[in-house]
N, C-alpha and C. Protein backbone atom coordinates (compact mmCIF):
# COMPACT_ATOMS: atom_id res chain seq x y z
N MET A 1 20.85 -12.53 9.19
CA MET A 1 20.72 -11.08 9.24
C MET A 1 19.77 -10.61 8.14
N ASN A 2 18.80 -9.80 8.51
CA ASN A 2 17.83 -9.28 7.56
C ASN A 2 18.40 -8.03 6.90
N THR A 3 18.68 -8.11 5.60
CA THR A 3 19.28 -6.98 4.89
C THR A 3 18.25 -5.94 4.45
N ASP A 4 16.96 -6.21 4.70
CA ASP A 4 15.92 -5.26 4.34
C ASP A 4 15.64 -4.26 5.47
N ARG A 5 16.40 -4.36 6.54
CA ARG A 5 16.19 -3.46 7.69
C ARG A 5 17.51 -2.84 8.12
N TRP A 6 17.44 -1.65 8.67
CA TRP A 6 18.60 -0.97 9.24
C TRP A 6 18.90 -1.60 10.60
N PRO A 7 20.05 -1.31 11.18
CA PRO A 7 20.37 -1.88 12.50
C PRO A 7 19.34 -1.57 13.58
N ASP A 8 18.63 -0.44 13.48
CA ASP A 8 17.61 -0.12 14.48
C ASP A 8 16.27 -0.79 14.16
N ASN A 9 16.25 -1.70 13.17
CA ASN A 9 15.10 -2.50 12.76
C ASN A 9 14.05 -1.74 11.96
N THR A 10 14.34 -0.51 11.56
CA THR A 10 13.41 0.18 10.67
C THR A 10 13.64 -0.32 9.24
N PRO A 11 12.59 -0.36 8.43
CA PRO A 11 12.75 -0.90 7.08
C PRO A 11 13.58 0.02 6.19
N LYS A 12 14.47 -0.57 5.38
CA LYS A 12 15.25 0.20 4.43
C LYS A 12 14.39 0.67 3.26
N TYR A 13 13.45 -0.17 2.86
CA TYR A 13 12.64 0.11 1.69
C TYR A 13 11.16 -0.03 2.02
N PRO A 14 10.61 0.91 2.79
CA PRO A 14 9.19 0.83 3.15
C PRO A 14 8.29 1.16 1.96
N ILE A 15 7.03 0.81 2.09
CA ILE A 15 6.05 1.13 1.05
C ILE A 15 5.96 2.65 0.93
N ASN A 16 6.16 3.16 -0.30
CA ASN A 16 6.12 4.61 -0.51
C ASN A 16 5.25 5.02 -1.69
N PHE A 17 4.58 4.04 -2.33
CA PHE A 17 3.75 4.36 -3.48
C PHE A 17 2.61 3.35 -3.59
N LEU A 18 1.41 3.86 -3.89
CA LEU A 18 0.23 3.02 -4.02
C LEU A 18 -0.44 3.29 -5.36
N ASP A 19 -1.06 2.24 -5.90
CA ASP A 19 -1.94 2.46 -7.05
C ASP A 19 -3.10 1.47 -6.99
N ALA A 20 -4.24 1.92 -7.49
CA ALA A 20 -5.43 1.07 -7.56
C ALA A 20 -5.25 0.14 -8.76
N HIS A 21 -5.58 -1.16 -8.54
CA HIS A 21 -5.37 -2.13 -9.61
C HIS A 21 -6.31 -3.31 -9.42
N ASN A 22 -7.16 -3.55 -10.40
CA ASN A 22 -8.08 -4.69 -10.38
C ASN A 22 -8.90 -4.78 -9.09
N GLY A 23 -9.41 -3.67 -8.63
CA GLY A 23 -10.26 -3.67 -7.43
C GLY A 23 -9.52 -3.80 -6.13
N GLY A 24 -8.20 -3.65 -6.17
CA GLY A 24 -7.38 -3.71 -4.96
C GLY A 24 -6.32 -2.64 -5.00
N ILE A 25 -5.38 -2.71 -4.07
CA ILE A 25 -4.30 -1.73 -4.01
C ILE A 25 -2.97 -2.46 -4.18
N ARG A 26 -2.17 -1.98 -5.14
CA ARG A 26 -0.80 -2.45 -5.30
C ARG A 26 0.09 -1.54 -4.48
N MET A 27 1.02 -2.14 -3.76
CA MET A 27 1.91 -1.39 -2.88
C MET A 27 3.35 -1.56 -3.36
N HIS A 28 4.04 -0.43 -3.52
CA HIS A 28 5.39 -0.42 -4.09
C HIS A 28 6.38 0.19 -3.09
N ASN A 29 7.64 -0.21 -3.26
CA ASN A 29 8.74 0.49 -2.60
C ASN A 29 9.83 0.73 -3.65
N GLU A 30 11.02 1.11 -3.22
CA GLU A 30 12.10 1.44 -4.16
C GLU A 30 12.51 0.25 -5.02
N THR A 31 12.21 -0.96 -4.58
CA THR A 31 12.64 -2.15 -5.32
C THR A 31 11.54 -2.73 -6.20
N GLY A 32 10.33 -2.19 -6.16
CA GLY A 32 9.25 -2.68 -7.01
C GLY A 32 7.97 -2.96 -6.26
N VAL A 33 7.10 -3.74 -6.88
CA VAL A 33 5.82 -4.10 -6.27
C VAL A 33 6.07 -5.07 -5.13
N LYS A 34 5.51 -4.78 -3.98
CA LYS A 34 5.69 -5.62 -2.79
C LYS A 34 4.43 -6.33 -2.38
N GLY A 35 3.29 -5.91 -2.88
CA GLY A 35 2.06 -6.58 -2.51
C GLY A 35 0.87 -6.02 -3.24
N TRP A 36 -0.20 -6.81 -3.22
CA TRP A 36 -1.48 -6.40 -3.77
C TRP A 36 -2.55 -7.05 -2.92
N ALA A 37 -3.60 -6.31 -2.60
CA ALA A 37 -4.68 -6.87 -1.80
C ALA A 37 -5.98 -6.15 -2.10
N LYS A 38 -7.09 -6.89 -1.92
CA LYS A 38 -8.43 -6.34 -2.12
C LYS A 38 -9.14 -6.08 -0.80
N THR A 39 -8.53 -6.49 0.31
CA THR A 39 -9.15 -6.31 1.62
C THR A 39 -8.29 -5.40 2.48
N ALA A 40 -8.93 -4.75 3.44
CA ALA A 40 -8.19 -3.90 4.38
C ALA A 40 -7.17 -4.73 5.15
N GLU A 41 -7.54 -5.95 5.50
CA GLU A 41 -6.62 -6.82 6.26
C GLU A 41 -5.39 -7.16 5.42
N GLY A 42 -5.59 -7.42 4.14
CA GLY A 42 -4.46 -7.74 3.26
C GLY A 42 -3.54 -6.55 3.06
N VAL A 43 -4.12 -5.38 2.85
CA VAL A 43 -3.30 -4.17 2.69
C VAL A 43 -2.55 -3.90 3.99
N ALA A 44 -3.23 -3.99 5.12
CA ALA A 44 -2.59 -3.75 6.42
C ALA A 44 -1.44 -4.72 6.66
N TYR A 45 -1.64 -5.98 6.30
CA TYR A 45 -0.58 -6.98 6.49
C TYR A 45 0.68 -6.60 5.72
N THR A 46 0.52 -6.21 4.45
CA THR A 46 1.68 -5.83 3.64
C THR A 46 2.34 -4.58 4.20
N LEU A 47 1.55 -3.58 4.56
CA LEU A 47 2.11 -2.34 5.11
C LEU A 47 2.88 -2.62 6.40
N LYS A 48 2.32 -3.47 7.24
CA LYS A 48 2.96 -3.78 8.52
C LYS A 48 4.22 -4.62 8.31
N THR A 49 4.16 -5.56 7.39
CA THR A 49 5.29 -6.45 7.14
C THR A 49 6.46 -5.73 6.48
N ILE A 50 6.18 -4.93 5.45
CA ILE A 50 7.22 -4.24 4.70
C ILE A 50 7.60 -2.92 5.37
N GLY A 51 6.63 -2.26 5.98
CA GLY A 51 6.85 -0.95 6.60
C GLY A 51 6.22 0.14 5.75
N ILE A 52 5.95 1.26 6.36
CA ILE A 52 5.32 2.40 5.68
C ILE A 52 6.28 3.58 5.74
N ALA A 53 6.54 4.19 4.60
CA ALA A 53 7.40 5.37 4.54
C ALA A 53 6.72 6.56 5.23
N ASP A 54 7.52 7.54 5.61
CA ASP A 54 6.95 8.76 6.20
C ASP A 54 6.02 9.46 5.22
N THR A 55 6.34 9.40 3.94
CA THR A 55 5.50 9.98 2.90
C THR A 55 5.14 8.87 1.92
N VAL A 56 3.85 8.68 1.71
CA VAL A 56 3.36 7.68 0.76
C VAL A 56 2.60 8.43 -0.33
N MET A 57 3.04 8.23 -1.56
CA MET A 57 2.41 8.88 -2.71
C MET A 57 1.43 7.91 -3.35
N GLY A 58 0.43 8.46 -4.01
CA GLY A 58 -0.54 7.64 -4.70
C GLY A 58 -0.64 8.01 -6.17
N CYS A 59 -0.77 7.01 -7.00
CA CYS A 59 -1.00 7.21 -8.43
C CYS A 59 -2.38 7.84 -8.60
N SER A 60 -2.61 8.48 -9.73
CA SER A 60 -3.93 9.07 -9.99
C SER A 60 -5.02 8.01 -10.00
N SER A 61 -4.64 6.74 -10.17
CA SER A 61 -5.64 5.68 -10.12
C SER A 61 -6.31 5.58 -8.75
N MET A 62 -5.64 6.08 -7.71
CA MET A 62 -6.23 6.10 -6.38
C MET A 62 -7.40 7.09 -6.32
N ASP A 63 -7.37 8.11 -7.18
CA ASP A 63 -8.44 9.11 -7.22
C ASP A 63 -9.53 8.75 -8.24
N PHE A 64 -9.20 7.88 -9.17
CA PHE A 64 -10.14 7.44 -10.20
C PHE A 64 -10.29 5.93 -10.13
N ALA A 65 -10.54 5.45 -8.92
CA ALA A 65 -10.54 4.01 -8.65
C ALA A 65 -11.63 3.26 -9.42
N SER A 66 -12.72 3.93 -9.78
CA SER A 66 -13.78 3.24 -10.52
C SER A 66 -13.28 2.76 -11.89
N GLU A 67 -12.23 3.36 -12.38
CA GLU A 67 -11.63 2.94 -13.66
C GLU A 67 -10.70 1.74 -13.47
N HIS A 68 -10.51 1.34 -12.20
CA HIS A 68 -9.55 0.28 -11.89
C HIS A 68 -10.16 -0.81 -11.02
N GLY A 69 -11.46 -1.04 -11.20
CA GLY A 69 -12.11 -2.17 -10.56
C GLY A 69 -12.87 -1.89 -9.28
N PHE A 70 -12.87 -0.65 -8.80
CA PHE A 70 -13.64 -0.28 -7.61
C PHE A 70 -15.01 0.22 -8.02
N GLU A 71 -15.97 0.13 -7.12
CA GLU A 71 -17.32 0.60 -7.42
C GLU A 71 -17.40 2.12 -7.51
N THR A 72 -16.57 2.82 -6.71
CA THR A 72 -16.59 4.28 -6.69
C THR A 72 -15.17 4.81 -6.83
N ASP A 73 -15.07 6.09 -7.18
CA ASP A 73 -13.74 6.71 -7.32
C ASP A 73 -12.99 6.78 -6.00
N ASP A 74 -13.70 6.88 -4.89
CA ASP A 74 -13.01 6.97 -3.60
C ASP A 74 -12.80 5.60 -2.95
N GLY A 75 -13.14 4.53 -3.65
CA GLY A 75 -13.04 3.19 -3.08
C GLY A 75 -11.63 2.79 -2.67
N ALA A 76 -10.63 3.14 -3.47
CA ALA A 76 -9.25 2.77 -3.14
C ALA A 76 -8.75 3.54 -1.91
N MET A 77 -9.07 4.81 -1.84
CA MET A 77 -8.64 5.60 -0.67
C MET A 77 -9.35 5.12 0.60
N LEU A 78 -10.62 4.75 0.48
CA LEU A 78 -11.33 4.22 1.64
C LEU A 78 -10.72 2.90 2.10
N LEU A 79 -10.34 2.06 1.16
CA LEU A 79 -9.68 0.79 1.50
C LEU A 79 -8.36 1.06 2.21
N TYR A 80 -7.57 1.99 1.70
CA TYR A 80 -6.29 2.35 2.32
C TYR A 80 -6.51 2.90 3.74
N LYS A 81 -7.48 3.76 3.91
CA LYS A 81 -7.76 4.33 5.23
C LYS A 81 -8.20 3.25 6.22
N ARG A 82 -9.02 2.30 5.77
CA ARG A 82 -9.43 1.19 6.64
C ARG A 82 -8.22 0.34 7.04
N ALA A 83 -7.32 0.13 6.09
CA ALA A 83 -6.10 -0.64 6.37
C ALA A 83 -5.25 0.06 7.44
N LEU A 84 -5.10 1.37 7.30
CA LEU A 84 -4.29 2.12 8.28
C LEU A 84 -4.89 2.04 9.68
N GLU A 85 -6.21 1.97 9.76
CA GLU A 85 -6.86 1.85 11.07
C GLU A 85 -6.55 0.51 11.74
N LEU A 86 -6.19 -0.49 10.95
CA LEU A 86 -5.89 -1.82 11.50
C LEU A 86 -4.45 -1.97 11.98
N ILE A 87 -3.62 -1.02 11.62
CA ILE A 87 -2.20 -1.12 11.99
C ILE A 87 -1.94 -0.53 13.36
């Protein structure tokens, strides 16, 4: 029995927080960091595997991504948006 899911198979602890980190996105839920990826495919895999909350908040690092390893400030948000398109 998977204790990370409710009886209707929805995740108990979906990803609800993101932050830009070392040129990628760290994905968190209520229990801590659940994944990190530098590619849209990697981010999408974690989001799909763990689940996505109805509301996902982002750290200010998502808006100032150039300070966290991205080439531009909008790099982290663009990566997240590309990942969502793959799900």
